[in-house]
């Protein structure tokens, strides 16, 4: 009840950061990559994978590991909500 779709690497046959897993998720939701926002916590898997197919990405960086990298990041779910609400205007 919480998710519209679920994309499983075991079904797709590719794991993150392979573009196929992100493309499968986009296709399952029938959305364009440029209109999508992906949130993950690992730069080399989540950020690079999502951006390689044209998605926007925000790192979920609770420990602050990416603070100095200049990447879009949040440290909490409240921070993500604030970012989403600010971009919705």
PDB file of N, CA and C in Angstrom:
ATOM      1  N   UNK A   1       0.808  -1.200   0.000  1.00  0.00           N
ATOM      2  CA  UNK A   1       0.000   0.000   0.000  1.00  0.00           C
ATOM      3  C   UNK A   1       0.853   1.268   0.000  1.00  0.00           C
ATOM      4  N   UNK A   2       2.112   1.151   0.356  1.00  0.00           N
ATOM      5  CA  UNK A   2       2.967   2.333   0.483  1.00  0.00           C
ATOM      6  C   UNK A   2       3.654   2.720  -0.824  1.00  0.00           C
ATOM      7  N   UNK A   3       3.746   1.802  -1.781  1.00  0.00           N
ATOM      8  CA  UNK A   3       4.505   2.051  -2.999  1.00  0.00           C
ATOM      9  C   UNK A   3       3.652   1.787  -4.231  1.00  0.00           C
ATOM     10  N   UNK A   4       3.844   2.648  -5.234  1.00  0.00           N
ATOM     11  CA  UNK A   4       3.158   2.445  -6.500  1.00  0.00           C
ATOM     12  C   UNK A   4       3.733   1.248  -7.249  1.00  0.00           C
ATOM     13  N   UNK A   5       5.064   1.153  -7.264  1.00  0.00           N
ATOM     14  CA  UNK A   5       5.752   0.028  -7.889  1.00  0.00           C
ATOM     15  C   UNK A   5       6.981  -0.328  -7.063  1.00  0.00           C
ATOM     16  N   UNK A   6       7.501  -1.502  -7.291  1.00  0.00           N
ATOM     17  CA  UNK A   6       8.761  -1.930  -6.673  1.00  0.00           C
ATOM     18  C   UNK A   6       9.623  -2.492  -7.791  1.00  0.00           C
ATOM     19  N   UNK A   7      10.862  -2.015  -7.858  1.00  0.00           N
ATOM     20  CA  UNK A   7      11.803  -2.484  -8.870  1.00  0.00           C
ATOM     21  C   UNK A   7      12.848  -3.343  -8.177  1.00  0.00           C
ATOM     22  N   UNK A   8      12.919  -4.602  -8.553  1.00  0.00           N
ATOM     23  CA  UNK A   8      13.780  -5.575  -7.893  1.00  0.00           C
ATOM     24  C   UNK A   8      14.924  -5.965  -8.829  1.00  0.00           C
ATOM     25  N   UNK A   9      16.157  -5.824  -8.352  1.00  0.00           N
ATOM     26  CA  UNK A   9      17.312  -6.148  -9.195  1.00  0.00           C
ATOM     27  C   UNK A   9      17.331  -7.629  -9.589  1.00  0.00           C
ATOM     28  N   UNK A  10      16.768  -8.483  -8.766  1.00  0.00           N
ATOM     29  CA  UNK A  10      16.700  -9.902  -9.105  1.00  0.00           C
ATOM     30  C   UNK A  10      15.807 -10.171 -10.299  1.00  0.00           C
ATOM     31  N   UNK A  11      14.796  -9.328 -10.483  1.00  0.00           N
ATOM     32  CA  UNK A  11      13.898  -9.471 -11.632  1.00  0.00           C
ATOM     33  C   UNK A  11      14.478  -8.758 -12.853  1.00  0.00           C
ATOM     34  N   UNK A  12      15.029  -7.567 -12.635  1.00  0.00           N
ATOM     35  CA  UNK A  12      15.610  -6.795 -13.735  1.00  0.00           C
ATOM     36  C   UNK A  12      16.877  -7.469 -14.255  1.00  0.00           C
ATOM     37  N   UNK A  13      17.620  -8.110 -13.364  1.00  0.00           N
ATOM     38  CA  UNK A  13      18.854  -8.780 -13.776  1.00  0.00           C
ATOM     39  C   UNK A  13      20.078  -7.893 -13.709  1.00  0.00           C
ATOM     40  N   UNK A  14      19.934  -6.692 -13.189  1.00  0.00           N
ATOM     41  CA  UNK A  14      21.051  -5.754 -13.019  1.00  0.00           C
ATOM     42  C   UNK A  14      20.904  -5.065 -11.672  1.00  0.00           C
ATOM     43  N   UNK A  15      22.031  -4.778 -11.060  1.00  0.00           N
ATOM     44  CA  UNK A  15      22.025  -4.072  -9.784  1.00  0.00           C
ATOM     45  C   UNK A  15      22.544  -2.655  -9.966  1.00  0.00           C
ATOM     46  N   UNK A  16      22.225  -1.774  -8.999  1.00  0.00           N
ATOM     47  CA  UNK A  16      22.773  -0.432  -9.007  1.00  0.00           C
ATOM     48  C   UNK A  16      24.293  -0.540  -8.977  1.00  0.00           C
ATOM     49  N   UNK A  17      24.986   0.245  -9.708  1.00  0.00           N
ATOM     50  CA  UNK A  17      24.607   1.450 -10.428  1.00  0.00           C
ATOM     51  C   UNK A  17      24.296   1.238 -11.907  1.00  0.00           C
ATOM     52  N   UNK A  18      24.073   0.016 -12.346  1.00  0.00           N
ATOM     53  CA  UNK A  18      23.777  -0.227 -13.760  1.00  0.00           C
ATOM     54  C   UNK A  18      22.543   0.566 -14.186  1.00  0.00           C
ATOM     55  N   UNK A  19      22.624   1.251 -15.322  1.00  0.00           N
ATOM     56  CA  UNK A  19      21.493   2.062 -15.786  1.00  0.00           C
ATOM     57  C   UNK A  19      20.182   1.289 -15.923  1.00  0.00           C
ATOM     58  N   UNK A  20      20.240   0.005 -16.221  1.00  0.00           N
ATOM     59  CA  UNK A  20      19.020  -0.776 -16.459  1.00  0.00           C
ATOM     60  C   UNK A  20      18.088  -0.790 -15.255  1.00  0.00           C
ATOM     61  N   UNK A  21      18.631  -0.798 -14.052  1.00  0.00           N
ATOM     62  CA  UNK A  21      17.780  -0.847 -12.861  1.00  0.00           C
ATOM     63  C   UNK A  21      17.029   0.470 -12.687  1.00  0.00           C
ATOM     64  N   UNK A  22      17.700   1.578 -12.965  1.00  0.00           N
ATOM     65  CA  UNK A  22      17.055   2.891 -12.874  1.00  0.00           C
ATOM     66  C   UNK A  22      16.040   3.068 -14.002  1.00  0.00           C
ATOM     67  N   UNK A  23      16.400   2.630 -15.200  1.00  0.00           N
ATOM     68  CA  UNK A  23      15.484   2.720 -16.336  1.00  0.00           C
ATOM     69  C   UNK A  23      14.237   1.869 -16.115  1.00  0.00           C
ATOM     70  N   UNK A  24      14.401   0.710 -15.503  1.00  0.00           N
ATOM     71  CA  UNK A  24      13.246  -0.147 -15.200  1.00  0.00           C
ATOM     72  C   UNK A  24      12.309   0.532 -14.209  1.00  0.00           C
ATOM     73  N   UNK A  25      12.879   1.189 -13.207  1.00  0.00           N
ATOM     74  CA  UNK A  25      12.052   1.907 -12.234  1.00  0.00           C
ATOM     75  C   UNK A  25      11.289   3.045 -12.899  1.00  0.00           C
ATOM     76  N   UNK A  26      11.974   3.801 -13.757  1.00  0.00           N
ATOM     77  CA  UNK A  26      11.322   4.893 -14.477  1.00  0.00           C
ATOM     78  C   UNK A  26      10.195   4.367 -15.359  1.00  0.00           C
ATOM     79  N   UNK A  27      10.468   3.287 -16.063  1.00  0.00           N
ATOM     80  CA  UNK A  27       9.457   2.704 -16.952  1.00  0.00           C
ATOM     81  C   UNK A  27       8.258   2.195 -16.157  1.00  0.00           C
ATOM     82  N   UNK A  28       8.498   1.596 -15.007  1.00  0.00           N
ATOM     83  CA  UNK A  28       7.389   1.058 -14.207  1.00  0.00           C
ATOM     84  C   UNK A  28       6.461   2.162 -13.714  1.00  0.00           C
ATOM     85  N   UNK A  29       6.998   3.364 -13.570  1.00  0.00           N
ATOM     86  CA  UNK A  29       6.198   4.506 -13.126  1.00  0.00           C
ATOM     87  C   UNK A  29       5.736   5.380 -14.286  1.00  0.00           C
ATOM     88  N   UNK A  30       6.232   5.063 -15.491  1.00  0.00           N
ATOM     89  CA  UNK A  30       5.904   5.826 -16.695  1.00  0.00           C
ATOM     90  C   UNK A  30       6.232   7.307 -16.515  1.00  0.00           C
ATOM     91  N   UNK A  31       7.470   7.574 -16.077  1.00  0.00           N
ATOM     92  CA  UNK A  31       7.941   8.939 -15.890  1.00  0.00           C
ATOM     93  C   UNK A  31       9.275   9.140 -16.607  1.00  0.00           C
ATOM     94  N   UNK A  32       9.538  10.387 -16.958  1.00  0.00           N
ATOM     95  CA  UNK A  32      10.810  10.751 -17.588  1.00  0.00           C
ATOM     96  C   UNK A  32      11.876  10.925 -16.519  1.00  0.00           C
ATOM     97  N   UNK A  33      13.093  10.576 -16.869  1.00  0.00           N
ATOM     98  CA  UNK A  33      14.202  10.702 -15.926  1.00  0.00           C
ATOM     99  C   UNK A  33      14.373  12.138 -15.441  1.00  0.00           C
ATOM    100  N   UNK A  34      14.236  13.097 -16.341  1.00  0.00           N
ATOM    101  CA  UNK A  34      14.447  14.502 -15.986  1.00  0.00           C
ATOM    102  C   UNK A  34      13.407  15.023 -14.999  1.00  0.00           C
ATOM    103  N   UNK A  35      12.288  14.352 -14.898  1.00  0.00           N
ATOM    104  CA  UNK A  35      11.230  14.759 -13.984  1.00  0.00           C
ATOM    105  C   UNK A  35      11.244  13.940 -12.699  1.00  0.00           C
ATOM    106  N   UNK A  36      12.323  13.200 -12.488  1.00  0.00           N
ATOM    107  CA  UNK A  36      12.397  12.286 -11.352  1.00  0.00           C
ATOM    108  C   UNK A  36      13.499  12.708 -10.390  1.00  0.00           C
ATOM    109  N   UNK A  37      13.300  12.365  -9.135  1.00  0.00           N
ATOM    110  CA  UNK A  37      14.303  12.609  -8.105  1.00  0.00           C
ATOM    111  C   UNK A  37      14.565  11.301  -7.381  1.00  0.00           C
ATOM    112  N   UNK A  38      15.802  10.906  -7.360  1.00  0.00           N
ATOM    113  CA  UNK A  38      16.217   9.677  -6.681  1.00  0.00           C
ATOM    114  C   UNK A  38      16.958  10.064  -5.406  1.00  0.00           C
ATOM    115  N   UNK A  39      16.713   9.356  -4.338  1.00  0.00           N
ATOM    116  CA  UNK A  39      17.418   9.578  -3.084  1.00  0.00           C
ATOM    117  C   UNK A  39      18.084   8.278  -2.673  1.00  0.00           C
ATOM    118  N   UNK A  40      19.367   8.341  -2.429  1.00  0.00           N
ATOM    119  CA  UNK A  40      20.122   7.181  -1.978  1.00  0.00           C
ATOM    120  C   UNK A  40      21.268   7.635  -1.107  1.00  0.00           C
ATOM    121  N   UNK A  41      21.949   6.698  -0.480  1.00  0.00           N
ATOM    122  CA  UNK A  41      22.972   7.082   0.490  1.00  0.00           C
ATOM    123  C   UNK A  41      24.409   6.761   0.089  1.00  0.00           C
ATOM    124  N   UNK A  42      24.604   6.234  -1.113  1.00  0.00           N
ATOM    125  CA  UNK A  42      25.960   5.884  -1.547  1.00  0.00           C
ATOM    126  C   UNK A  42      26.260   6.571  -2.872  1.00  0.00           C
ATOM    127  N   UNK A  43      27.283   7.414  -2.873  1.00  0.00           N
ATOM    128  CA  UNK A  43      27.639   8.190  -4.062  1.00  0.00           C
ATOM    129  C   UNK A  43      27.870   7.308  -5.291  1.00  0.00           C
ATOM    130  N   UNK A  44      28.753   6.329  -5.184  1.00  0.00           N
ATOM    131  CA  UNK A  44      29.149   5.561  -6.367  1.00  0.00           C
ATOM    132  C   UNK A  44      28.053   4.626  -6.871  1.00  0.00           C
ATOM    133  N   UNK A  45      27.102   4.305  -6.052  1.00  0.00           N
ATOM    134  CA  UNK A  45      26.013   3.404  -6.451  1.00  0.00           C
ATOM    135  C   UNK A  45      24.746   4.189  -6.784  1.00  0.00           C
ATOM    136  N   UNK A  46      24.325   5.018  -5.862  1.00  0.00           N
ATOM    137  CA  UNK A  46      23.051   5.717  -6.009  1.00  0.00           C
ATOM    138  C   UNK A  46      23.182   6.990  -6.842  1.00  0.00           C
ATOM    139  N   UNK A  47      24.075   7.880  -6.452  1.00  0.00           N
ATOM    140  CA  UNK A  47      24.200   9.160  -7.145  1.00  0.00           C
ATOM    141  C   UNK A  47      24.656   8.959  -8.589  1.00  0.00           C
ATOM    142  N   UNK A  48      25.735   8.229  -8.790  1.00  0.00           N
ATOM    143  CA  UNK A  48      26.244   8.030 -10.147  1.00  0.00           C
ATOM    144  C   UNK A  48      25.272   7.223 -11.008  1.00  0.00           C
ATOM    145  N   UNK A  49      24.636   6.243 -10.421  1.00  0.00           N
ATOM    146  CA  UNK A  49      23.668   5.445 -11.179  1.00  0.00           C
ATOM    147  C   UNK A  49      22.473   6.260 -11.631  1.00  0.00           C
ATOM    148  N   UNK A  50      21.891   7.013 -10.729  1.00  0.00           N
ATOM    149  CA  UNK A  50      20.703   7.812 -11.050  1.00  0.00           C
ATOM    150  C   UNK A  50      21.029   8.916 -12.054  1.00  0.00           C
ATOM    151  N   UNK A  51      22.118   9.624 -11.813  1.00  0.00           N
ATOM    152  CA  UNK A  51      22.452  10.730 -12.716  1.00  0.00           C
ATOM    153  C   UNK A  51      22.902  10.236 -14.083  1.00  0.00           C
ATOM    154  N   UNK A  52      23.394   9.013 -14.170  1.00  0.00           N
ATOM    155  CA  UNK A  52      23.824   8.481 -15.471  1.00  0.00           C
ATOM    156  C   UNK A  52      22.661   8.292 -16.434  1.00  0.00           C
ATOM    157  N   UNK A  53      21.444   8.165 -15.899  1.00  0.00           N
ATOM    158  CA  UNK A  53      20.264   8.037 -16.768  1.00  0.00           C
ATOM    159  C   UNK A  53      19.474   9.334 -16.845  1.00  0.00           C
ATOM    160  N   UNK A  54      20.011  10.402 -16.249  1.00  0.00           N
ATOM    161  CA  UNK A  54      19.369  11.708 -16.350  1.00  0.00           C
ATOM    162  C   UNK A  54      18.466  12.097 -15.203  1.00  0.00           C
ATOM    163  N   UNK A  55      18.434  11.272 -14.160  1.00  0.00           N
ATOM    164  CA  UNK A  55      17.619  11.605 -12.989  1.00  0.00           C
ATOM    165  C   UNK A  55      18.343  12.638 -12.130  1.00  0.00           C
ATOM    166  N   UNK A  56      17.579  13.423 -11.415  1.00  0.00           N
ATOM    167  CA  UNK A  56      18.142  14.251 -10.367  1.00  0.00           C
ATOM    168  C   UNK A  56      18.375  13.330  -9.170  1.00  0.00           C
ATOM    169  N   UNK A  57      19.358  13.663  -8.356  1.00  0.00           N
ATOM    170  CA  UNK A  57      19.631  12.816  -7.197  1.00  0.00           C
ATOM    171  C   UNK A  57      20.021  13.679  -6.009  1.00  0.00           C
ATOM    172  N   UNK A  58      19.519  13.295  -4.848  1.00  0.00           N
ATOM    173  CA  UNK A  58      19.887  13.906  -3.584  1.00  0.00           C
ATOM    174  C   UNK A  58      20.408  12.778  -2.696  1.00  0.00           C
ATOM    175  N   UNK A  59      21.613  12.957  -2.215  1.00  0.00           N
ATOM    176  CA  UNK A  59      22.172  11.952  -1.320  1.00  0.00           C
ATOM    177  C   UNK A  59      21.571  12.075   0.070  1.00  0.00           C
ATOM    178  N   UNK A  60      21.177  10.958   0.632  1.00  0.00           N
ATOM    179  CA  UNK A  60      20.689  10.901   1.999  1.00  0.00           C
ATOM    180  C   UNK A  60      21.917  10.649   2.867  1.00  0.00           C
ATOM    181  N   UNK A  61      22.485  11.722   3.392  1.00  0.00           N
ATOM    182  CA  UNK A  61      23.814  11.718   4.002  1.00  0.00           C
ATOM    183  C   UNK A  61      23.740  12.016   5.493  1.00  0.00           C
ATOM    184  N   UNK A  62      23.210  11.088   6.264  1.00  0.00           N
ATOM    185  CA  UNK A  62      23.050  11.276   7.705  1.00  0.00           C
ATOM    186  C   UNK A  62      24.389  11.542   8.403  1.00  0.00           C
ATOM    187  N   UNK A  63      25.458  10.783   8.093  1.00  0.00           N
ATOM    188  CA  UNK A  63      26.720  11.030   8.813  1.00  0.00           C
ATOM    189  C   UNK A  63      27.496  12.251   8.319  1.00  0.00           C
ATOM    190  N   UNK A  64      27.050  12.881   7.232  1.00  0.00           N
ATOM    191  CA  UNK A  64      27.755  14.047   6.713  1.00  0.00           C
ATOM    192  C   UNK A  64      29.006  13.698   5.925  1.00  0.00           C
ATOM    193  N   UNK A  65      29.060  12.513   5.377  1.00  0.00           N
ATOM    194  CA  UNK A  65      30.243  12.057   4.635  1.00  0.00           C
ATOM    195  C   UNK A  65      30.492  12.845   3.355  1.00  0.00           C
ATOM    196  N   UNK A  66      29.440  13.446   2.795  1.00  0.00           N
ATOM    197  CA  UNK A  66      29.578  14.152   1.522  1.00  0.00           C
ATOM    198  C   UNK A  66      29.464  15.668   1.672  1.00  0.00           C
ATOM    199  N   UNK A  67      29.614  16.167   2.880  1.00  0.00           N
ATOM    200  CA  UNK A  67      29.461  17.595   3.154  1.00  0.00           C
ATOM    201  C   UNK A  67      30.368  18.448   2.278  1.00  0.00           C
ATOM    202  N   UNK A  68      31.593  18.050   2.100  1.00  0.00           N
ATOM    203  CA  UNK A  68      32.586  18.845   1.361  1.00  0.00           C
ATOM    204  C   UNK A  68      32.564  18.603  -0.143  1.00  0.00           C
ATOM    205  N   UNK A  69      31.723  17.732  -0.634  1.00  0.00           N
ATOM    206  CA  UNK A  69      31.724  17.358  -2.053  1.00  0.00           C
ATOM    207  C   UNK A  69      30.917  18.303  -2.939  1.00  0.00           C
ATOM    208  N   UNK A  70      30.082  19.152  -2.349  1.00  0.00           N
ATOM    209  CA  UNK A  70      29.266  20.065  -3.141  1.00  0.00           C
ATOM    210  C   UNK A  70      28.129  19.387  -3.883  1.00  0.00           C
ATOM    211  N   UNK A  71      27.691  18.251  -3.392  1.00  0.00           N
ATOM    212  CA  UNK A  71      26.609  17.491  -4.025  1.00  0.00           C
ATOM    213  C   UNK A  71      25.285  17.811  -3.342  1.00  0.00           C
ATOM    214  N   UNK A  72      24.172  17.669  -4.062  1.00  0.00           N
ATOM    215  CA  UNK A  72      22.870  17.811  -3.409  1.00  0.00           C
ATOM    216  C   UNK A  72      22.732  16.731  -2.340  1.00  0.00           C
ATOM    217  N   UNK A  73      22.434  17.152  -1.113  1.00  0.00           N
ATOM    218  CA  UNK A  73      22.373  16.185  -0.019  1.00  0.00           C
ATOM    219  C   UNK A  73      21.455  16.686   1.086  1.00  0.00           C
ATOM    220  N   UNK A  74      20.931  15.740   1.828  1.00  0.00           N
ATOM    221  CA  UNK A  74      20.150  16.023   3.031  1.00  0.00           C
ATOM    222  C   UNK A  74      20.643  15.093   4.131  1.00  0.00           C
ATOM    223  N   UNK A  75      20.408  15.493   5.377  1.00  0.00           N
ATOM    224  CA  UNK A  75      20.870  14.679   6.496  1.00  0.00           C
ATOM    225  C   UNK A  75      19.730  14.020   7.264  1.00  0.00           C
ATOM    226  N   UNK A  76      18.485  14.259   6.812  1.00  0.00           N
ATOM    227  CA  UNK A  76      17.342  13.687   7.525  1.00  0.00           C
ATOM    228  C   UNK A  76      16.126  13.649   6.603  1.00  0.00           C
ATOM    229  N   UNK A  77      15.116  12.926   7.029  1.00  0.00           N
ATOM    230  CA  UNK A  77      13.862  12.913   6.276  1.00  0.00           C
ATOM    231  C   UNK A  77      13.203  14.284   6.321  1.00  0.00           C
ATOM    232  N   UNK A  78      13.351  14.991   7.432  1.00  0.00           N
ATOM    233  CA  UNK A  78      12.830  16.356   7.510  1.00  0.00           C
ATOM    234  C   UNK A  78      13.522  17.248   6.480  1.00  0.00           C
ATOM    235  N   UNK A  79      14.827  17.074   6.334  1.00  0.00           N
ATOM    236  CA  UNK A  79      15.575  17.841   5.336  1.00  0.00           C
ATOM    237  C   UNK A  79      15.114  17.528   3.927  1.00  0.00           C
ATOM    238  N   UNK A  80      14.815  16.262   3.654  1.00  0.00           N
ATOM    239  CA  UNK A  80      14.308  15.870   2.340  1.00  0.00           C
ATOM    240  C   UNK A  80      12.938  16.486   2.095  1.00  0.00           C
ATOM    241  N   UNK A  81      12.089  16.446   3.108  1.00  0.00           N
ATOM    242  CA  UNK A  81      10.760  17.042   2.975  1.00  0.00           C
ATOM    243  C   UNK A  81      10.867  18.544   2.701  1.00  0.00           C
ATOM    244  N   UNK A  82      11.739  19.223   3.414  1.00  0.00           N
ATOM    245  CA  UNK A  82      11.933  20.659   3.198  1.00  0.00           C
ATOM    246  C   UNK A  82      12.403  20.932   1.775  1.00  0.00           C
ATOM    247  N   UNK A  83      13.348  20.132   1.293  1.00  0.00           N
ATOM    248  CA  UNK A  83      13.844  20.287  -0.078  1.00  0.00           C
ATOM    249  C   UNK A  83      12.743  20.064  -1.104  1.00  0.00           C
ATOM    250  N   UNK A  84      11.950  19.034  -0.911  1.00  0.00           N
ATOM    251  CA  UNK A  84      10.867  18.727  -1.840  1.00  0.00           C
ATOM    252  C   UNK A  84       9.821  19.833  -1.849  1.00  0.00           C
ATOM    253  N   UNK A  85       9.472  20.326  -0.682  1.00  0.00           N
ATOM    254  CA  UNK A  85       8.481  21.399  -0.597  1.00  0.00           C
ATOM    255  C   UNK A  85       9.006  22.685  -1.237  1.00  0.00           C
ATOM    256  N   UNK A  86      10.279  22.976  -1.057  1.00  0.00           N
ATOM    257  CA  UNK A  86      10.874  24.181  -1.647  1.00  0.00           C
ATOM    258  C   UNK A  86      10.894  24.089  -3.169  1.00  0.00           C
ATOM    259  N   UNK A  87      11.131  22.900  -3.698  1.00  0.00           N
ATOM    260  CA  UNK A  87      11.193  22.709  -5.158  1.00  0.00           C
ATOM    261  C   UNK A  87       9.811  22.581  -5.786  1.00  0.00           C
ATOM    262  N   UNK A  88       8.794  22.366  -4.968  1.00  0.00           N
ATOM    263  CA  UNK A  88       7.440  22.205  -5.466  1.00  0.00           C
ATOM    264  C   UNK A  88       6.776  23.550  -5.777  1.00  0.00           C
ATOM    265  N   UNK A  89       7.411  24.603  -5.339  1.00  0.00           N
ATOM    266  CA  UNK A  89       6.819  25.942  -5.522  1.00  0.00           C
ATOM    267  C   UNK A  89       7.093  26.503  -6.870  1.00  0.00           C
TER     268      UNK A  89
END
